[in-house]
Amino acid sequence: MNLRAVFGLNVQRLRRERKLSQEQLSFISGRTRAYISSVEAGRRNATLDTLEILARALDVEPQDLITARAAERRTGRSTKRSAPHPTD
């Protein structure tokens, strides 16, 4: 999973955990709802400034938005490839 997708999934997960709509997060962060939607979908390449703004709006540390482990819990998938099984 690429970093942009991890970032988007984490923003979406944290927004939902806080029971915020995209519209509410857009108001808090000063970004548009369309921008929030495209970030969550992994279509937007956010700047470091936006990373910091969204982290502040969601009341988390910036690294919480880009840590694959946090996104992995939401999808139930590991972001690391496992080694092939010896019998494969």
N, C-alpha and C. Protein backbone atom coordinates (compact mmCIF):
# COMPACT_ATOMS: atom_id res chain seq x y z
N MET A 1 0.86 -1.17 0.00
CA MET A 1 0.00 0.00 0.00
C MET A 1 0.90 1.23 0.00
N ASN A 2 0.61 2.18 -0.86
CA ASN A 2 1.46 3.37 -0.93
C ASN A 2 1.09 4.36 0.18
N LEU A 3 1.98 5.28 0.44
CA LEU A 3 1.83 6.23 1.54
C LEU A 3 0.58 7.09 1.39
N ARG A 4 0.25 7.47 0.16
CA ARG A 4 -0.94 8.29 -0.06
C ARG A 4 -2.20 7.53 0.34
N ALA A 5 -2.26 6.23 0.05
CA ALA A 5 -3.41 5.40 0.43
C ALA A 5 -3.46 5.21 1.94
N VAL A 6 -2.32 4.98 2.56
CA VAL A 6 -2.25 4.84 4.02
C VAL A 6 -2.75 6.11 4.69
N PHE A 7 -2.27 7.25 4.20
CA PHE A 7 -2.68 8.54 4.73
C PHE A 7 -4.21 8.71 4.62
N GLY A 8 -4.74 8.43 3.45
CA GLY A 8 -6.18 8.57 3.23
C GLY A 8 -7.01 7.67 4.13
N LEU A 9 -6.60 6.41 4.27
CA LEU A 9 -7.34 5.49 5.13
C LEU A 9 -7.28 5.93 6.59
N ASN A 10 -6.13 6.43 7.01
CA ASN A 10 -6.00 6.89 8.40
C ASN A 10 -6.86 8.13 8.65
N VAL A 11 -6.88 9.06 7.71
CA VAL A 11 -7.72 10.25 7.87
C VAL A 11 -9.18 9.81 7.98
N GLN A 12 -9.61 8.94 7.09
CA GLN A 12 -10.99 8.47 7.11
C GLN A 12 -11.33 7.75 8.41
N ARG A 13 -10.47 6.84 8.84
CA ARG A 13 -10.70 6.08 10.07
C ARG A 13 -10.80 7.00 11.28
N LEU A 14 -9.85 7.91 11.40
CA LEU A 14 -9.85 8.82 12.55
C LEU A 14 -11.03 9.78 12.52
N ARG A 15 -11.39 10.24 11.33
CA ARG A 15 -12.56 11.11 11.20
C ARG A 15 -13.82 10.38 11.66
N ARG A 16 -13.97 9.14 11.22
CA ARG A 16 -15.15 8.36 11.61
C ARG A 16 -15.15 8.03 13.10
N GLU A 17 -13.97 7.71 13.65
CA GLU A 17 -13.88 7.44 15.09
C GLU A 17 -14.33 8.64 15.91
N ARG A 18 -14.10 9.83 15.37
CA ARG A 18 -14.48 11.06 16.06
C ARG A 18 -15.90 11.51 15.69
N LYS A 19 -16.56 10.66 14.90
CA LYS A 19 -17.93 10.93 14.47
C LYS A 19 -18.07 12.28 13.77
N LEU A 20 -17.10 12.56 12.91
CA LEU A 20 -17.12 13.79 12.12
C LEU A 20 -17.49 13.46 10.68
N SER A 21 -18.27 14.30 10.07
CA SER A 21 -18.53 14.17 8.64
C SER A 21 -17.35 14.81 7.88
N GLN A 22 -17.27 14.54 6.60
CA GLN A 22 -16.25 15.21 5.80
C GLN A 22 -16.46 16.71 5.84
N GLU A 23 -17.70 17.13 5.85
CA GLU A 23 -18.02 18.56 5.90
C GLU A 23 -17.52 19.18 7.22
N GLN A 24 -17.71 18.49 8.33
CA GLN A 24 -17.24 19.00 9.62
C GLN A 24 -15.71 19.08 9.66
N LEU A 25 -15.04 18.03 9.15
CA LEU A 25 -13.59 18.05 9.12
C LEU A 25 -13.09 19.17 8.21
N SER A 26 -13.79 19.39 7.12
CA SER A 26 -13.37 20.46 6.21
C SER A 26 -13.47 21.82 6.89
N PHE A 27 -14.51 22.02 7.69
CA PHE A 27 -14.67 23.28 8.41
C PHE A 27 -13.55 23.47 9.44
N ILE A 28 -13.26 22.40 10.20
CA ILE A 28 -12.22 22.46 11.23
C ILE A 28 -10.84 22.70 10.62
N SER A 29 -10.58 22.05 9.49
CA SER A 29 -9.24 22.10 8.89
C SER A 29 -9.05 23.25 7.90
N GLY A 30 -10.14 23.84 7.44
CA GLY A 30 -10.01 24.91 6.44
C GLY A 30 -9.80 24.39 5.04
N ARG A 31 -10.01 23.10 4.83
CA ARG A 31 -9.93 22.49 3.50
C ARG A 31 -11.36 22.24 3.01
N THR A 32 -11.56 22.07 1.73
CA THR A 32 -12.91 21.83 1.23
C THR A 32 -13.31 20.37 1.47
N ARG A 33 -14.63 20.12 1.42
CA ARG A 33 -15.11 18.76 1.58
C ARG A 33 -14.60 17.89 0.43
N ALA A 34 -14.57 18.45 -0.77
CA ALA A 34 -14.06 17.71 -1.93
C ALA A 34 -12.59 17.33 -1.73
N TYR A 35 -11.82 18.23 -1.13
CA TYR A 35 -10.41 17.94 -0.87
C TYR A 35 -10.29 16.79 0.13
N ILE A 36 -11.08 16.85 1.22
CA ILE A 36 -11.05 15.78 2.22
C ILE A 36 -11.42 14.45 1.57
N SER A 37 -12.45 14.46 0.73
CA SER A 37 -12.87 13.26 0.03
C SER A 37 -11.75 12.69 -0.84
N SER A 38 -11.07 13.55 -1.57
CA SER A 38 -10.00 13.06 -2.46
C SER A 38 -8.79 12.58 -1.68
N VAL A 39 -8.52 13.18 -0.52
CA VAL A 39 -7.43 12.69 0.35
C VAL A 39 -7.78 11.29 0.85
N GLU A 40 -9.00 11.12 1.35
CA GLU A 40 -9.43 9.82 1.88
C GLU A 40 -9.41 8.75 0.81
N ALA A 41 -9.70 9.11 -0.42
CA ALA A 41 -9.71 8.15 -1.52
C ALA A 41 -8.31 7.88 -2.07
N GLY A 42 -7.31 8.61 -1.57
CA GLY A 42 -5.94 8.42 -2.04
C GLY A 42 -5.66 9.06 -3.37
N ARG A 43 -6.53 9.98 -3.81
CA ARG A 43 -6.34 10.65 -5.09
C ARG A 43 -5.53 11.93 -4.97
N ARG A 44 -5.38 12.44 -3.77
CA ARG A 44 -4.72 13.73 -3.57
C ARG A 44 -3.36 13.51 -2.92
N ASN A 45 -2.36 14.18 -3.44
CA ASN A 45 -1.02 14.12 -2.88
C ASN A 45 -0.87 15.31 -1.93
N ALA A 46 -1.20 15.10 -0.66
CA ALA A 46 -1.22 16.18 0.32
C ALA A 46 0.19 16.68 0.64
N THR A 47 0.27 17.96 0.97
CA THR A 47 1.54 18.55 1.38
C THR A 47 1.80 18.26 2.85
N LEU A 48 3.01 18.54 3.29
CA LEU A 48 3.34 18.40 4.71
C LEU A 48 2.51 19.37 5.54
N ASP A 49 2.22 20.54 4.99
CA ASP A 49 1.37 21.50 5.70
C ASP A 49 -0.02 20.90 5.93
N THR A 50 -0.57 20.25 4.92
CA THR A 50 -1.88 19.63 5.06
C THR A 50 -1.83 18.47 6.04
N LEU A 51 -0.77 17.69 6.02
CA LEU A 51 -0.60 16.62 7.00
C LEU A 51 -0.68 17.19 8.42
N GLU A 52 0.03 18.26 8.65
CA GLU A 52 0.04 18.89 9.96
C GLU A 52 -1.34 19.46 10.32
N ILE A 53 -2.00 20.10 9.38
CA ILE A 53 -3.33 20.68 9.62
C ILE A 53 -4.35 19.60 9.94
N LEU A 54 -4.35 18.51 9.17
CA LEU A 54 -5.31 17.44 9.42
C LEU A 54 -5.01 16.71 10.72
N ALA A 55 -3.74 16.54 11.04
CA ALA A 55 -3.38 15.92 12.32
C ALA A 55 -3.91 16.77 13.48
N ARG A 56 -3.73 18.06 13.39
CA ARG A 56 -4.22 18.97 14.43
C ARG A 56 -5.75 18.91 14.51
N ALA A 57 -6.41 18.91 13.36
CA ALA A 57 -7.87 18.87 13.32
C ALA A 57 -8.42 17.57 13.91
N LEU A 58 -7.67 16.47 13.74
CA LEU A 58 -8.10 15.18 14.25
C LEU A 58 -7.52 14.88 15.64
N ASP A 59 -6.72 15.81 16.16
CA ASP A 59 -6.13 15.69 17.48
C ASP A 59 -5.23 14.46 17.62
N VAL A 60 -4.36 14.29 16.62
CA VAL A 60 -3.38 13.20 16.63
C VAL A 60 -2.02 13.77 16.24
N GLU A 61 -0.99 12.98 16.41
CA GLU A 61 0.34 13.35 15.94
C GLU A 61 0.42 13.10 14.44
N PRO A 62 1.18 13.91 13.71
CA PRO A 62 1.28 13.70 12.25
C PRO A 62 1.68 12.28 11.86
N GLN A 63 2.56 11.67 12.62
CA GLN A 63 2.99 10.30 12.28
C GLN A 63 1.84 9.29 12.37
N ASP A 64 0.81 9.60 13.16
CA ASP A 64 -0.34 8.71 13.24
C ASP A 64 -1.10 8.64 11.91
N LEU A 65 -0.95 9.65 11.09
CA LEU A 65 -1.64 9.67 9.80
C LEU A 65 -0.87 8.94 8.71
N ILE A 66 0.41 8.74 8.92
CA ILE A 66 1.20 8.09 7.86
C ILE A 66 1.77 6.74 8.28
N THR A 67 1.38 6.26 9.45
CA THR A 67 1.85 4.97 9.92
C THR A 67 0.97 3.87 9.33
N ALA A 68 1.60 2.97 8.60
CA ALA A 68 0.86 1.91 7.91
C ALA A 68 0.12 1.01 8.89
N ARG A 69 0.66 0.81 10.05
CA ARG A 69 0.03 -0.06 11.03
C ARG A 69 -1.38 0.40 11.35
N ALA A 70 -1.61 1.70 11.45
CA ALA A 70 -2.93 2.23 11.76
C ALA A 70 -3.91 1.94 10.62
N ALA A 71 -3.47 2.07 9.39
CA ALA A 71 -4.33 1.77 8.23
C ALA A 71 -4.57 0.27 8.12
N GLU A 72 -3.57 -0.51 8.48
CA GLU A 72 -3.66 -1.96 8.39
C GLU A 72 -4.79 -2.49 9.26
N ARG A 73 -4.97 -1.93 10.44
CA ARG A 73 -6.04 -2.36 11.33
C ARG A 73 -7.40 -2.14 10.67
N ARG A 74 -7.55 -1.06 9.94
CA ARG A 74 -8.83 -0.75 9.31
C ARG A 74 -9.15 -1.73 8.19
N THR A 75 -8.15 -2.09 7.41
CA THR A 75 -8.39 -2.97 6.26
C THR A 75 -8.23 -4.44 6.61
N GLY A 76 -7.56 -4.73 7.73
CA GLY A 76 -7.32 -6.11 8.10
C GLY A 76 -6.23 -6.76 7.27
N ARG A 77 -5.50 -5.94 6.51
CA ARG A 77 -4.43 -6.47 5.66
C ARG A 77 -3.09 -5.95 6.13
N SER A 78 -2.10 -6.76 5.96
CA SER A 78 -0.74 -6.33 6.27
C SER A 78 -0.18 -5.57 5.09
N THR A 79 0.64 -4.55 5.39
CA THR A 79 1.25 -3.80 4.31
C THR A 79 2.61 -4.37 3.93
N LYS A 80 3.07 -5.36 4.69
CA LYS A 80 4.35 -6.00 4.37
C LYS A 80 4.07 -7.32 3.68
N ARG A 81 4.92 -7.66 2.75
CA ARG A 81 4.79 -8.94 2.08
C ARG A 81 5.43 -9.99 2.93
N SER A 82 4.76 -11.12 3.07
CA SER A 82 5.35 -12.22 3.83
C SER A 82 6.18 -13.07 2.88
N ALA A 83 7.15 -13.74 3.46
CA ALA A 83 8.00 -14.62 2.66
C ALA A 83 7.17 -15.82 2.22
N PRO A 84 7.46 -16.37 1.05
CA PRO A 84 6.71 -17.53 0.59
C PRO A 84 6.88 -18.69 1.57
N HIS A 85 5.83 -19.46 1.71
CA HIS A 85 5.88 -20.64 2.57
C HIS A 85 6.83 -21.64 1.95
N PRO A 86 7.62 -22.35 2.79
CA PRO A 86 8.62 -23.30 2.24
C PRO A 86 8.04 -24.36 1.32
N THR A 87 6.78 -24.68 1.45
CA THR A 87 6.19 -25.71 0.57
C THR A 87 5.63 -25.14 -0.72
N ASP A 88 5.69 -23.82 -0.89
CA ASP A 88 5.17 -23.19 -2.12
C ASP A 88 6.11 -23.36 -3.26
